[in-house]
Amino acid sequence: MGTLIAHPESKEKSDALKAFMKALKIRFEEEKSPYNAEFVEKIKRSEEDFKVGRFKAIRTDDLWK
């Protein structure tokens, strides 16, 4: 059978998903991320902002002015 990867947005959704899979006797693995979910979301938003041009470039000569 195939593999499904879910990305629950909150602990409540994660707990509900686990309970559902346990009730149906579906094997699952849980990976803990070493990073805070909010931090990861900020990084992803920042990368997206950069792609669409929402950033400000500062020359190294102007850094300490």
PDB file of N, CA and C in Angstrom:
ATOM      1  N   MET A   1       0.847  -1.185   0.000  1.00  0.00           N
ATOM      2  CA  MET A   1       0.000   0.000   0.000  1.00  0.00           C
ATOM      3  C   MET A   1       0.882   1.236   0.000  1.00  0.00           C
ATOM      4  N   GLY A   2       0.333   2.375  -0.319  1.00  0.00           N
ATOM      5  CA  GLY A   2       1.093   3.618  -0.417  1.00  0.00           C
ATOM      6  C   GLY A   2       1.343   4.261   0.935  1.00  0.00           C
ATOM      7  N   THR A   3       2.087   5.329   0.892  1.00  0.00           N
ATOM      8  CA  THR A   3       2.419   6.092   2.092  1.00  0.00           C
ATOM      9  C   THR A   3       1.737   7.442   2.025  1.00  0.00           C
ATOM     10  N   LEU A   4       1.136   7.839   3.126  1.00  0.00           N
ATOM     11  CA  LEU A   4       0.501   9.149   3.226  1.00  0.00           C
ATOM     12  C   LEU A   4       1.284   9.983   4.220  1.00  0.00           C
ATOM     13  N   ILE A   5       1.476  11.244   3.905  1.00  0.00           N
ATOM     14  CA  ILE A   5       2.147  12.153   4.827  1.00  0.00           C
ATOM     15  C   ILE A   5       1.173  13.272   5.142  1.00  0.00           C
ATOM     16  N   ALA A   6       0.853  13.445   6.414  1.00  0.00           N
ATOM     17  CA  ALA A   6      -0.087  14.484   6.843  1.00  0.00           C
ATOM     18  C   ALA A   6       0.680  15.575   7.574  1.00  0.00           C
ATOM     19  N   HIS A   7       0.177  16.793   7.469  1.00  0.00           N
ATOM     20  CA  HIS A   7       0.789  17.932   8.151  1.00  0.00           C
ATOM     21  C   HIS A   7      -0.284  18.644   8.971  1.00  0.00           C
ATOM     22  N   PRO A   8      -0.661  18.082  10.116  1.00  0.00           N
ATOM     23  CA  PRO A   8      -1.681  18.744  10.932  1.00  0.00           C
ATOM     24  C   PRO A   8      -1.182  20.103  11.411  1.00  0.00           C
ATOM     25  N   GLU A   9      -2.101  21.063  11.447  1.00  0.00           N
ATOM     26  CA  GLU A   9      -1.737  22.440  11.765  1.00  0.00           C
ATOM     27  C   GLU A   9      -1.755  22.748  13.255  1.00  0.00           C
ATOM     28  N   SER A  10      -2.230  21.809  14.057  1.00  0.00           N
ATOM     29  CA  SER A  10      -2.278  22.049  15.500  1.00  0.00           C
ATOM     30  C   SER A  10      -2.155  20.725  16.241  1.00  0.00           C
ATOM     31  N   LYS A  11      -1.888  20.820  17.530  1.00  0.00           N
ATOM     32  CA  LYS A  11      -1.772  19.621  18.363  1.00  0.00           C
ATOM     33  C   LYS A  11      -3.104  18.878  18.418  1.00  0.00           C
ATOM     34  N   GLU A  12      -4.208  19.629  18.461  1.00  0.00           N
ATOM     35  CA  GLU A  12      -5.535  19.012  18.522  1.00  0.00           C
ATOM     36  C   GLU A  12      -5.800  18.169  17.272  1.00  0.00           C
ATOM     37  N   LYS A  13      -5.445  18.714  16.112  1.00  0.00           N
ATOM     38  CA  LYS A  13      -5.635  17.967  14.865  1.00  0.00           C
ATOM     39  C   LYS A  13      -4.725  16.751  14.821  1.00  0.00           C
ATOM     40  N   SER A  14      -3.513  16.906  15.319  1.00  0.00           N
ATOM     41  CA  SER A  14      -2.571  15.792  15.355  1.00  0.00           C
ATOM     42  C   SER A  14      -3.101  14.675  16.253  1.00  0.00           C
ATOM     43  N   ASP A  15      -3.593  15.053  17.422  1.00  0.00           N
ATOM     44  CA  ASP A  15      -4.141  14.062  18.352  1.00  0.00           C
ATOM     45  C   ASP A  15      -5.354  13.353  17.758  1.00  0.00           C
ATOM     46  N   ALA A  16      -6.225  14.109  17.081  1.00  0.00           N
ATOM     47  CA  ALA A  16      -7.414  13.515  16.464  1.00  0.00           C
ATOM     48  C   ALA A  16      -7.013  12.539  15.359  1.00  0.00           C
ATOM     49  N   LEU A  17      -6.030  12.923  14.571  1.00  0.00           N
ATOM     50  CA  LEU A  17      -5.559  12.064  13.487  1.00  0.00           C
ATOM     51  C   LEU A  17      -4.963  10.767  14.040  1.00  0.00           C
ATOM     52  N   LYS A  18      -4.175  10.881  15.098  1.00  0.00           N
ATOM     53  CA  LYS A  18      -3.589   9.688  15.729  1.00  0.00           C
ATOM     54  C   LYS A  18      -4.683   8.773  16.269  1.00  0.00           C
ATOM     55  N   ALA A  19      -5.684   9.346  16.934  1.00  0.00           N
ATOM     56  CA  ALA A  19      -6.777   8.552  17.495  1.00  0.00           C
ATOM     57  C   ALA A  19      -7.540   7.830  16.383  1.00  0.00           C
ATOM     58  N   PHE A  20      -7.773   8.524  15.279  1.00  0.00           N
ATOM     59  CA  PHE A  20      -8.473   7.940  14.142  1.00  0.00           C
ATOM     60  C   PHE A  20      -7.695   6.752  13.582  1.00  0.00           C
ATOM     61  N   MET A  21      -6.389   6.938  13.401  1.00  0.00           N
ATOM     62  CA  MET A  21      -5.573   5.859  12.838  1.00  0.00           C
ATOM     63  C   MET A  21      -5.461   4.684  13.804  1.00  0.00           C
ATOM     64  N   LYS A  22      -5.377   4.970  15.098  1.00  0.00           N
ATOM     65  CA  LYS A  22      -5.345   3.885  16.084  1.00  0.00           C
ATOM     66  C   LYS A  22      -6.651   3.104  16.061  1.00  0.00           C
ATOM     67  N   ALA A  23      -7.780   3.813  15.943  1.00  0.00           N
ATOM     68  CA  ALA A  23      -9.088   3.157  15.920  1.00  0.00           C
ATOM     69  C   ALA A  23      -9.220   2.234  14.714  1.00  0.00           C
ATOM     70  N   LEU A  24      -8.639   2.616  13.599  1.00  0.00           N
ATOM     71  CA  LEU A  24      -8.686   1.784  12.397  1.00  0.00           C
ATOM     72  C   LEU A  24      -7.514   0.809  12.310  1.00  0.00           C
ATOM     73  N   LYS A  25      -6.687   0.799  13.348  1.00  0.00           N
ATOM     74  CA  LYS A  25      -5.520  -0.079  13.425  1.00  0.00           C
ATOM     75  C   LYS A  25      -4.583   0.121  12.230  1.00  0.00           C
ATOM     76  N   ILE A  26      -4.343   1.402  11.943  1.00  0.00           N
ATOM     77  CA  ILE A  26      -3.413   1.774  10.880  1.00  0.00           C
ATOM     78  C   ILE A  26      -2.070   2.089  11.525  1.00  0.00           C
ATOM     79  N   ARG A  27      -1.016   1.413  11.053  1.00  0.00           N
ATOM     80  CA  ARG A  27       0.322   1.694  11.580  1.00  0.00           C
ATOM     81  C   ARG A  27       0.756   3.080  11.145  1.00  0.00           C
ATOM     82  N   PHE A  28       1.424   3.796  12.036  1.00  0.00           N
ATOM     83  CA  PHE A  28       1.955   5.103  11.669  1.00  0.00           C
ATOM     84  C   PHE A  28       3.217   5.389  12.457  1.00  0.00           C
ATOM     85  N   GLU A  29       4.020   6.263  11.914  1.00  0.00           N
ATOM     86  CA  GLU A  29       5.251   6.702  12.566  1.00  0.00           C
ATOM     87  C   GLU A  29       5.143   8.194  12.799  1.00  0.00           C
ATOM     88  N   GLU A  30       5.745   8.631  13.875  1.00  0.00           N
ATOM     89  CA  GLU A  30       5.724  10.054  14.184  1.00  0.00           C
ATOM     90  C   GLU A  30       7.160  10.556  14.253  1.00  0.00           C
ATOM     91  N   GLU A  31       7.439  11.586  13.475  1.00  0.00           N
ATOM     92  CA  GLU A  31       8.771  12.193  13.503  1.00  0.00           C
ATOM     93  C   GLU A  31       8.687  13.522  14.221  1.00  0.00           C
ATOM     94  N   LYS A  32       9.585  13.720  15.131  1.00  0.00           N
ATOM     95  CA  LYS A  32       9.646  14.996  15.842  1.00  0.00           C
ATOM     96  C   LYS A  32      10.627  15.901  15.113  1.00  0.00           C
ATOM     97  N   SER A  33      10.208  17.119  14.864  1.00  0.00           N
ATOM     98  CA  SER A  33      11.085  18.095  14.229  1.00  0.00           C
ATOM     99  C   SER A  33      11.866  18.817  15.315  1.00  0.00           C
ATOM    100  N   PRO A  34      13.150  19.059  15.095  1.00  0.00           N
ATOM    101  CA  PRO A  34      13.925  19.787  16.103  1.00  0.00           C
ATOM    102  C   PRO A  34      13.577  21.274  16.118  1.00  0.00           C
ATOM    103  N   TYR A  35      12.744  21.704  15.160  1.00  0.00           N
ATOM    104  CA  TYR A  35      12.410  23.116  15.044  1.00  0.00           C
ATOM    105  C   TYR A  35      10.971  23.377  15.461  1.00  0.00           C
ATOM    106  N   ASN A  36      10.742  24.531  16.030  1.00  0.00           N
ATOM    107  CA  ASN A  36       9.413  24.977  16.401  1.00  0.00           C
ATOM    108  C   ASN A  36       8.612  25.196  15.116  1.00  0.00           C
ATOM    109  N   ALA A  37       7.362  24.740  15.088  1.00  0.00           N
ATOM    110  CA  ALA A  37       6.532  24.845  13.890  1.00  0.00           C
ATOM    111  C   ALA A  37       6.322  26.302  13.467  1.00  0.00           C
ATOM    112  N   GLU A  38       6.170  27.201  14.424  1.00  0.00           N
ATOM    113  CA  GLU A  38       5.986  28.621  14.098  1.00  0.00           C
ATOM    114  C   GLU A  38       7.243  29.183  13.432  1.00  0.00           C
ATOM    115  N   PHE A  39       8.407  28.773  13.919  1.00  0.00           N
ATOM    116  CA  PHE A  39       9.672  29.217  13.341  1.00  0.00           C
ATOM    117  C   PHE A  39       9.795  28.743  11.896  1.00  0.00           C
ATOM    118  N   VAL A  40       9.467  27.494  11.661  1.00  0.00           N
ATOM    119  CA  VAL A  40       9.540  26.934  10.309  1.00  0.00           C
ATOM    120  C   VAL A  40       8.601  27.703   9.380  1.00  0.00           C
ATOM    121  N   GLU A  41       7.403  28.029   9.857  1.00  0.00           N
ATOM    122  CA  GLU A  41       6.447  28.781   9.046  1.00  0.00           C
ATOM    123  C   GLU A  41       6.989  30.167   8.700  1.00  0.00           C
ATOM    124  N   LYS A  42       7.644  30.826   9.658  1.00  0.00           N
ATOM    125  CA  LYS A  42       8.236  32.144   9.399  1.00  0.00           C
ATOM    126  C   LYS A  42       9.317  32.049   8.320  1.00  0.00           C
ATOM    127  N   ILE A  43      10.133  31.020   8.391  1.00  0.00           N
ATOM    128  CA  ILE A  43      11.193  30.831   7.399  1.00  0.00           C
ATOM    129  C   ILE A  43      10.585  30.613   6.014  1.00  0.00           C
ATOM    130  N   LYS A  44       9.547  29.791   5.942  1.00  0.00           N
ATOM    131  CA  LYS A  44       8.902  29.535   4.651  1.00  0.00           C
ATOM    132  C   LYS A  44       8.288  30.808   4.081  1.00  0.00           C
ATOM    133  N   ARG A  45       7.649  31.618   4.939  1.00  0.00           N
ATOM    134  CA  ARG A  45       7.079  32.890   4.480  1.00  0.00           C
ATOM    135  C   ARG A  45       8.179  33.816   3.979  1.00  0.00           C
ATOM    136  N   SER A  46       9.295  33.830   4.702  1.00  0.00           N
ATOM    137  CA  SER A  46      10.422  34.671   4.311  1.00  0.00           C
ATOM    138  C   SER A  46      10.968  34.258   2.943  1.00  0.00           C
ATOM    139  N   GLU A  47      11.096  32.976   2.716  1.00  0.00           N
ATOM    140  CA  GLU A  47      11.575  32.489   1.424  1.00  0.00           C
ATOM    141  C   GLU A  47      10.604  32.877   0.308  1.00  0.00           C
ATOM    142  N   GLU A  48       9.315  32.778   0.589  1.00  0.00           N
ATOM    143  CA  GLU A  48       8.306  33.156  -0.404  1.00  0.00           C
ATOM    144  C   GLU A  48       8.372  34.659  -0.691  1.00  0.00           C
ATOM    145  N   ASP A  49       8.527  35.471   0.355  1.00  0.00           N
ATOM    146  CA  ASP A  49       8.669  36.920   0.179  1.00  0.00           C
ATOM    147  C   ASP A  49       9.863  37.231  -0.718  1.00  0.00           C
ATOM    148  N   PHE A  50      10.968  36.543  -0.494  1.00  0.00           N
ATOM    149  CA  PHE A  50      12.174  36.762  -1.293  1.00  0.00           C
ATOM    150  C   PHE A  50      11.921  36.438  -2.765  1.00  0.00           C
ATOM    151  N   LYS A  51      11.211  35.331  -3.012  1.00  0.00           N
ATOM    152  CA  LYS A  51      10.935  34.912  -4.390  1.00  0.00           C
ATOM    153  C   LYS A  51      10.125  35.956  -5.150  1.00  0.00           C
ATOM    154  N   VAL A  52       9.202  36.631  -4.457  1.00  0.00           N
ATOM    155  CA  VAL A  52       8.344  37.614  -5.139  1.00  0.00           C
ATOM    156  C   VAL A  52       8.902  39.027  -5.055  1.00  0.00           C
ATOM    157  N   GLY A  53      10.089  39.167  -4.483  1.00  0.00           N
ATOM    158  CA  GLY A  53      10.760  40.466  -4.485  1.00  0.00           C
ATOM    159  C   GLY A  53      10.499  41.356  -3.289  1.00  0.00           C
ATOM    160  N   ARG A  54       9.910  40.826  -2.225  1.00  0.00           N
ATOM    161  CA  ARG A  54       9.669  41.627  -1.025  1.00  0.00           C
ATOM    162  C   ARG A  54      10.852  41.484  -0.071  1.00  0.00           C
ATOM    163  N   PHE A  55      11.922  42.217  -0.381  1.00  0.00           N
ATOM    164  CA  PHE A  55      13.096  42.215   0.483  1.00  0.00           C
ATOM    165  C   PHE A  55      13.879  43.489   0.234  1.00  0.00           C
ATOM    166  N   LYS A  56      14.812  43.772   1.108  1.00  0.00           N
ATOM    167  CA  LYS A  56      15.664  44.943   0.956  1.00  0.00           C
ATOM    168  C   LYS A  56      17.112  44.480   1.032  1.00  0.00           C
ATOM    169  N   ALA A  57      17.887  44.814   0.006  1.00  0.00           N
ATOM    170  CA  ALA A  57      19.302  44.449  -0.031  1.00  0.00           C
ATOM    171  C   ALA A  57      20.123  45.579   0.585  1.00  0.00           C
ATOM    172  N   ILE A  58      21.052  45.214   1.447  1.00  0.00           N
ATOM    173  CA  ILE A  58      21.944  46.189   2.081  1.00  0.00           C
ATOM    174  C   ILE A  58      23.373  45.828   1.701  1.00  0.00           C
ATOM    175  N   ARG A  59      24.088  46.805   1.157  1.00  0.00           N
ATOM    176  CA  ARG A  59      25.487  46.573   0.781  1.00  0.00           C
ATOM    177  C   ARG A  59      26.322  46.408   2.051  1.00  0.00           C
ATOM    178  N   THR A  60      27.348  45.584   1.990  1.00  0.00           N
ATOM    179  CA  THR A  60      28.191  45.368   3.169  1.00  0.00           C
ATOM    180  C   THR A  60      28.891  46.650   3.603  1.00  0.00           C
ATOM    181  N   ASP A  61      29.193  47.541   2.665  1.00  0.00           N
ATOM    182  CA  ASP A  61      29.819  48.819   3.025  1.00  0.00           C
ATOM    183  C   ASP A  61      28.890  49.674   3.884  1.00  0.00           C
ATOM    184  N   ASP A  62      27.579  49.503   3.698  1.00  0.00           N
ATOM    185  CA  ASP A  62      26.595  50.305   4.427  1.00  0.00           C
ATOM    186  C   ASP A  62      26.114  49.634   5.713  1.00  0.00           C
ATOM    187  N   LEU A  63      26.601  48.457   5.983  1.00  0.00           N
ATOM    188  CA  LEU A  63      26.117  47.693   7.130  1.00  0.00           C
ATOM    189  C   LEU A  63      26.327  48.403   8.462  1.00  0.00           C
ATOM    190  N   TRP A  64      27.445  49.014   8.673  1.00  0.00           N
ATOM    191  CA  TRP A  64      27.764  49.591   9.983  1.00  0.00           C
ATOM    192  C   TRP A  64      27.579  51.103  10.031  1.00  0.00           C
ATOM    193  N   LYS A  65      26.858  51.657   9.080  1.00  0.00           N
ATOM    194  CA  LYS A  65      26.614  53.099   9.060  1.00  0.00           C
ATOM    195  C   LYS A  65      25.390  53.449   9.864  1.00  0.00           C
TER     196      LYS A  65
END
